[in-house]
Amino acid sequence: MRLTESTVAIRPRSPWEAIDLGVLLAGRHRGVLMSSWAIVTLPFFCVLSALLWDYPTAAILLFWWLKPAFERLPLLILSQSLFGATPTLRQALKAWPATLKEQLLPSLLWRRLSLSRSFQLPVQQLEHLAGTERALRISLLSQKDLR
């Protein structure tokens, strides 16, 4: 990941600008995002539905609980795309299991109900921070105005 190869200007952004940029990136790469999401999540949902046919609420709840594992794939695609190396569908699916190795258990257990989980995921997945370093980085990013 090289900052010089970024497809957008690297600069501080307001929260609304950051949302606009995220929507723009997602729209630009919607094909690989939607395809990869469907290929990964639909089999899980079908298996859960079949196994828990008599308990549909349990199937939906379990699928929802596993969402942190599924969120890592779109982040992988968008982060690589942001730096000029948009992965193909095959490359993204091949790289996805490696993203699950780092801090998946905490994401599924004590961090699962955190309202800022999606905001904090890039710190875990892209910056590979844990422990005190992770806490300090999240504290810095959570400050009201970073300008």
C-alpha atoms as a PDB file:
ATOM      1  CA  MET A   1       0.000   0.000   0.000  1.00  0.00           C
ATOM      2  CA  ARG A   2       1.677   3.167  -1.214  1.00  0.00           C
ATOM      3  CA  LEU A   3       0.214   6.569  -0.449  1.00  0.00           C
ATOM      4  CA  THR A   4       1.662   7.907  -3.702  1.00  0.00           C
ATOM      5  CA  GLU A   5      -0.554   5.529  -5.687  1.00  0.00           C
ATOM      6  CA  SER A   6      -3.786   6.653  -4.048  1.00  0.00           C
ATOM      7  CA  THR A   7      -6.739   7.177  -6.374  1.00  0.00           C
ATOM      8  CA  VAL A   8      -7.968  10.103  -4.231  1.00  0.00           C
ATOM      9  CA  ALA A   9      -6.285  13.064  -2.563  1.00  0.00           C
ATOM     10  CA  ILE A  10      -5.030  12.096   0.886  1.00  0.00           C
ATOM     11  CA  ARG A  11      -6.110  14.896   3.219  1.00  0.00           C
ATOM     12  CA  PRO A  12      -8.175  15.445   6.349  1.00  0.00           C
ATOM     13  CA  ARG A  13     -11.889  15.250   5.557  1.00  0.00           C
ATOM     14  CA  SER A  14     -15.023  16.219   7.393  1.00  0.00           C
ATOM     15  CA  PRO A  15     -17.286  13.321   8.347  1.00  0.00           C
ATOM     16  CA  TRP A  16     -19.662  14.191   5.486  1.00  0.00           C
ATOM     17  CA  GLU A  17     -16.832  14.288   2.954  1.00  0.00           C
ATOM     18  CA  ALA A  18     -15.643  10.908   4.215  1.00  0.00           C
ATOM     19  CA  ILE A  19     -19.145   9.474   3.750  1.00  0.00           C
ATOM     20  CA  ASP A  20     -19.325  10.918   0.235  1.00  0.00           C
ATOM     21  CA  LEU A  21     -15.958   9.389  -0.607  1.00  0.00           C
ATOM     22  CA  GLY A  22     -17.047   6.001   0.752  1.00  0.00           C
ATOM     23  CA  VAL A  23     -20.260   6.070  -1.269  1.00  0.00           C
ATOM     24  CA  LEU A  24     -18.324   7.067  -4.389  1.00  0.00           C
ATOM     25  CA  LEU A  25     -15.801   4.247  -3.913  1.00  0.00           C
ATOM     26  CA  ALA A  26     -18.537   1.693  -3.241  1.00  0.00           C
ATOM     27  CA  GLY A  27     -20.422   2.807  -6.345  1.00  0.00           C
ATOM     28  CA  ARG A  28     -17.304   2.640  -8.479  1.00  0.00           C
ATOM     29  CA  HIS A  29     -16.549  -0.931  -7.337  1.00  0.00           C
ATOM     30  CA  ARG A  30     -20.098  -2.181  -6.804  1.00  0.00           C
ATOM     31  CA  GLY A  31     -19.682  -5.158  -9.123  1.00  0.00           C
ATOM     32  CA  VAL A  32     -16.875  -6.821  -7.218  1.00  0.00           C
ATOM     33  CA  LEU A  33     -18.331  -5.714  -3.863  1.00  0.00           C
ATOM     34  CA  MET A  34     -21.785  -7.167  -4.478  1.00  0.00           C
ATOM     35  CA  SER A  35     -20.513 -10.318  -6.184  1.00  0.00           C
ATOM     36  CA  SER A  36     -18.026 -11.113  -3.443  1.00  0.00           C
ATOM     37  CA  TRP A  37     -20.575 -10.373  -0.719  1.00  0.00           C
ATOM     38  CA  ALA A  38     -23.116 -12.698  -2.344  1.00  0.00           C
ATOM     39  CA  ILE A  39     -20.599 -15.485  -2.955  1.00  0.00           C
ATOM     40  CA  VAL A  40     -19.477 -15.414   0.677  1.00  0.00           C
ATOM     41  CA  THR A  41     -22.705 -14.729   2.553  1.00  0.00           C
ATOM     42  CA  LEU A  42     -25.363 -16.610   0.589  1.00  0.00           C
ATOM     43  CA  PRO A  43     -23.876 -20.075   1.216  1.00  0.00           C
ATOM     44  CA  PHE A  44     -23.587 -19.291   4.935  1.00  0.00           C
ATOM     45  CA  PHE A  45     -27.169 -18.087   5.043  1.00  0.00           C
ATOM     46  CA  CYS A  46     -28.450 -21.112   3.110  1.00  0.00           C
ATOM     47  CA  VAL A  47     -26.625 -23.557   5.397  1.00  0.00           C
ATOM     48  CA  LEU A  48     -27.839 -21.777   8.524  1.00  0.00           C
ATOM     49  CA  SER A  49     -31.385 -21.696   7.156  1.00  0.00           C
ATOM     50  CA  ALA A  50     -31.285 -25.408   6.342  1.00  0.00           C
ATOM     51  CA  LEU A  51     -29.790 -26.402   9.696  1.00  0.00           C
ATOM     52  CA  LEU A  52     -32.116 -24.166  11.694  1.00  0.00           C
ATOM     53  CA  TRP A  53     -35.197 -24.518   9.498  1.00  0.00           C
ATOM     54  CA  ASP A  54     -37.504 -24.860  12.500  1.00  0.00           C
ATOM     55  CA  TYR A  55     -35.847 -21.888  14.211  1.00  0.00           C
ATOM     56  CA  PRO A  56     -35.728 -19.050  11.659  1.00  0.00           C
ATOM     57  CA  THR A  57     -35.088 -16.412  14.302  1.00  0.00           C
ATOM     58  CA  ALA A  58     -32.027 -18.319  15.488  1.00  0.00           C
ATOM     59  CA  ALA A  59     -30.748 -18.590  11.901  1.00  0.00           C
ATOM     60  CA  ILE A  60     -31.102 -14.852  11.331  1.00  0.00           C
ATOM     61  CA  LEU A  61     -29.558 -14.018  14.716  1.00  0.00           C
ATOM     62  CA  LEU A  62     -26.576 -16.302  14.085  1.00  0.00           C
ATOM     63  CA  PHE A  63     -26.082 -14.854  10.595  1.00  0.00           C
ATOM     64  CA  TRP A  64     -26.191 -11.348  12.078  1.00  0.00           C
ATOM     65  CA  TRP A  65     -23.725 -12.388  14.792  1.00  0.00           C
ATOM     66  CA  LEU A  66     -21.248 -13.559  12.120  1.00  0.00           C
ATOM     67  CA  LYS A  67     -21.429 -10.217  10.293  1.00  0.00           C
ATOM     68  CA  PRO A  68     -17.992  -9.036  11.539  1.00  0.00           C
ATOM     69  CA  ALA A  69     -16.436 -11.896   9.568  1.00  0.00           C
ATOM     70  CA  PHE A  70     -18.257 -10.826   6.413  1.00  0.00           C
ATOM     71  CA  GLU A  71     -17.447  -7.098   6.821  1.00  0.00           C
ATOM     72  CA  ARG A  72     -13.767  -7.736   6.270  1.00  0.00           C
ATOM     73  CA  LEU A  73     -14.164  -8.571   2.581  1.00  0.00           C
ATOM     74  CA  PRO A  74     -15.634  -5.219   1.450  1.00  0.00           C
ATOM     75  CA  LEU A  75     -12.998  -3.403   3.518  1.00  0.00           C
ATOM     76  CA  LEU A  76     -10.275  -5.440   1.812  1.00  0.00           C
ATOM     77  CA  ILE A  77     -11.636  -4.596  -1.641  1.00  0.00           C
ATOM     78  CA  LEU A  78     -12.148  -0.889  -0.964  1.00  0.00           C
ATOM     79  CA  SER A  79      -8.814  -0.408   0.780  1.00  0.00           C
ATOM     80  CA  GLN A  80      -6.903  -1.976  -2.097  1.00  0.00           C
ATOM     81  CA  SER A  81      -8.980  -0.039  -4.619  1.00  0.00           C
ATOM     82  CA  LEU A  82      -8.239   3.213  -2.828  1.00  0.00           C
ATOM     83  CA  PHE A  83      -4.544   2.649  -3.462  1.00  0.00           C
ATOM     84  CA  GLY A  84      -4.859   1.744  -7.125  1.00  0.00           C
ATOM     85  CA  ALA A  85      -4.809  -2.044  -6.894  1.00  0.00           C
ATOM     86  CA  THR A  86      -8.456  -3.029  -7.303  1.00  0.00           C
ATOM     87  CA  PRO A  87      -8.592  -6.787  -6.760  1.00  0.00           C
ATOM     88  CA  THR A  88     -10.491  -9.070  -9.089  1.00  0.00           C
ATOM     89  CA  LEU A  89     -13.306 -11.127  -7.633  1.00  0.00           C
ATOM     90  CA  ARG A  90     -11.037 -14.178  -7.503  1.00  0.00           C
ATOM     91  CA  GLN A  91      -8.210 -12.261  -5.803  1.00  0.00           C
ATOM     92  CA  ALA A  92     -10.584 -10.801  -3.212  1.00  0.00           C
ATOM     93  CA  LEU A  93     -12.120 -14.170  -2.376  1.00  0.00           C
ATOM     94  CA  LYS A  94      -8.680 -15.752  -2.134  1.00  0.00           C
ATOM     95  CA  ALA A  95      -7.437 -13.013   0.228  1.00  0.00           C
ATOM     96  CA  TRP A  96     -10.542 -13.019   2.464  1.00  0.00           C
ATOM     97  CA  PRO A  97      -9.589 -15.999   4.710  1.00  0.00           C
ATOM     98  CA  ALA A  98      -6.324 -14.279   5.654  1.00  0.00           C
ATOM     99  CA  THR A  99      -8.303 -11.295   6.975  1.00  0.00           C
ATOM    100  CA  LEU A 100     -10.182 -13.600   9.341  1.00  0.00           C
ATOM    101  CA  LYS A 101      -7.067 -14.690  11.214  1.00  0.00           C
ATOM    102  CA  GLU A 102      -6.463 -11.396  12.951  1.00  0.00           C
ATOM    103  CA  GLN A 103      -8.728 -10.552  15.898  1.00  0.00           C
ATOM    104  CA  LEU A 104     -11.828 -12.333  14.581  1.00  0.00           C
ATOM    105  CA  LEU A 105     -12.650 -13.894  17.950  1.00  0.00           C
ATOM    106  CA  PRO A 106     -12.689 -10.536  19.790  1.00  0.00           C
ATOM    107  CA  SER A 107     -14.795  -9.130  16.946  1.00  0.00           C
ATOM    108  CA  LEU A 108     -17.334 -11.917  17.403  1.00  0.00           C
ATOM    109  CA  LEU A 109     -17.325 -11.791  21.201  1.00  0.00           C
ATOM    110  CA  TRP A 110     -16.753  -8.673  23.312  1.00  0.00           C
ATOM    111  CA  ARG A 111     -16.516  -6.191  20.431  1.00  0.00           C
ATOM    112  CA  ARG A 112     -19.609  -7.514  18.637  1.00  0.00           C
ATOM    113  CA  LEU A 113     -22.110  -5.117  20.186  1.00  0.00           C
ATOM    114  CA  SER A 114     -19.912  -2.030  19.901  1.00  0.00           C
ATOM    115  CA  LEU A 115     -21.618   0.716  17.932  1.00  0.00           C
ATOM    116  CA  SER A 116     -18.240   1.822  16.590  1.00  0.00           C
ATOM    117  CA  ARG A 117     -17.179  -1.659  15.421  1.00  0.00           C
ATOM    118  CA  SER A 118     -17.199  -0.783  11.716  1.00  0.00           C
ATOM    119  CA  PHE A 119     -15.287   2.424  12.430  1.00  0.00           C
ATOM    120  CA  GLN A 120     -12.637   0.484  14.357  1.00  0.00           C
ATOM    121  CA  LEU A 121     -12.287  -2.424  11.914  1.00  0.00           C
ATOM    122  CA  PRO A 122      -9.769  -0.621   9.643  1.00  0.00           C
ATOM    123  CA  VAL A 123      -7.476  -0.127  12.646  1.00  0.00           C
ATOM    124  CA  GLN A 124      -7.472  -3.884  13.185  1.00  0.00           C
ATOM    125  CA  GLN A 125      -7.432  -5.081   9.604  1.00  0.00           C
ATOM    126  CA  LEU A 126      -5.422  -2.451   7.731  1.00  0.00           C
ATOM    127  CA  GLU A 127      -3.091  -1.103  10.396  1.00  0.00           C
ATOM    128  CA  HIS A 128      -2.698  -4.474  12.193  1.00  0.00           C
ATOM    129  CA  LEU A 129      -2.763  -2.827  15.605  1.00  0.00           C
ATOM    130  CA  ALA A 130      -3.606  -4.598  18.838  1.00  0.00           C
ATOM    131  CA  GLY A 131      -3.503  -3.883  22.558  1.00  0.00           C
ATOM    132  CA  THR A 132      -2.341  -0.465  23.713  1.00  0.00           C
ATOM    133  CA  GLU A 133      -1.402   0.682  20.200  1.00  0.00           C
ATOM    134  CA  ARG A 134      -4.919  -0.138  18.983  1.00  0.00           C
ATOM    135  CA  ALA A 135      -6.523   1.670  21.924  1.00  0.00           C
ATOM    136  CA  LEU A 136      -4.376   4.777  21.376  1.00  0.00           C
ATOM    137  CA  ARG A 137      -5.107   4.858  17.639  1.00  0.00           C
ATOM    138  CA  ILE A 138      -8.859   4.446  18.168  1.00  0.00           C
ATOM    139  CA  SER A 139      -8.775   7.160  20.829  1.00  0.00           C
ATOM    140  CA  LEU A 140      -7.023   9.490  18.386  1.00  0.00           C
ATOM    141  CA  LEU A 141      -9.457   8.732  15.557  1.00  0.00           C
ATOM    142  CA  SER A 142     -12.444   9.181  17.869  1.00  0.00           C
ATOM    143  CA  GLN A 143     -11.547  12.761  18.735  1.00  0.00           C
ATOM    144  CA  LYS A 144     -14.122  15.315  17.675  1.00  0.00           C
ATOM    145  CA  ASP A 145     -12.030  17.315  15.198  1.00  0.00           C
ATOM    146  CA  LEU A 146      -8.762  15.999  13.801  1.00  0.00           C
ATOM    147  CA  ARG A 147      -7.925  19.083  11.725  1.00  0.00           C
END
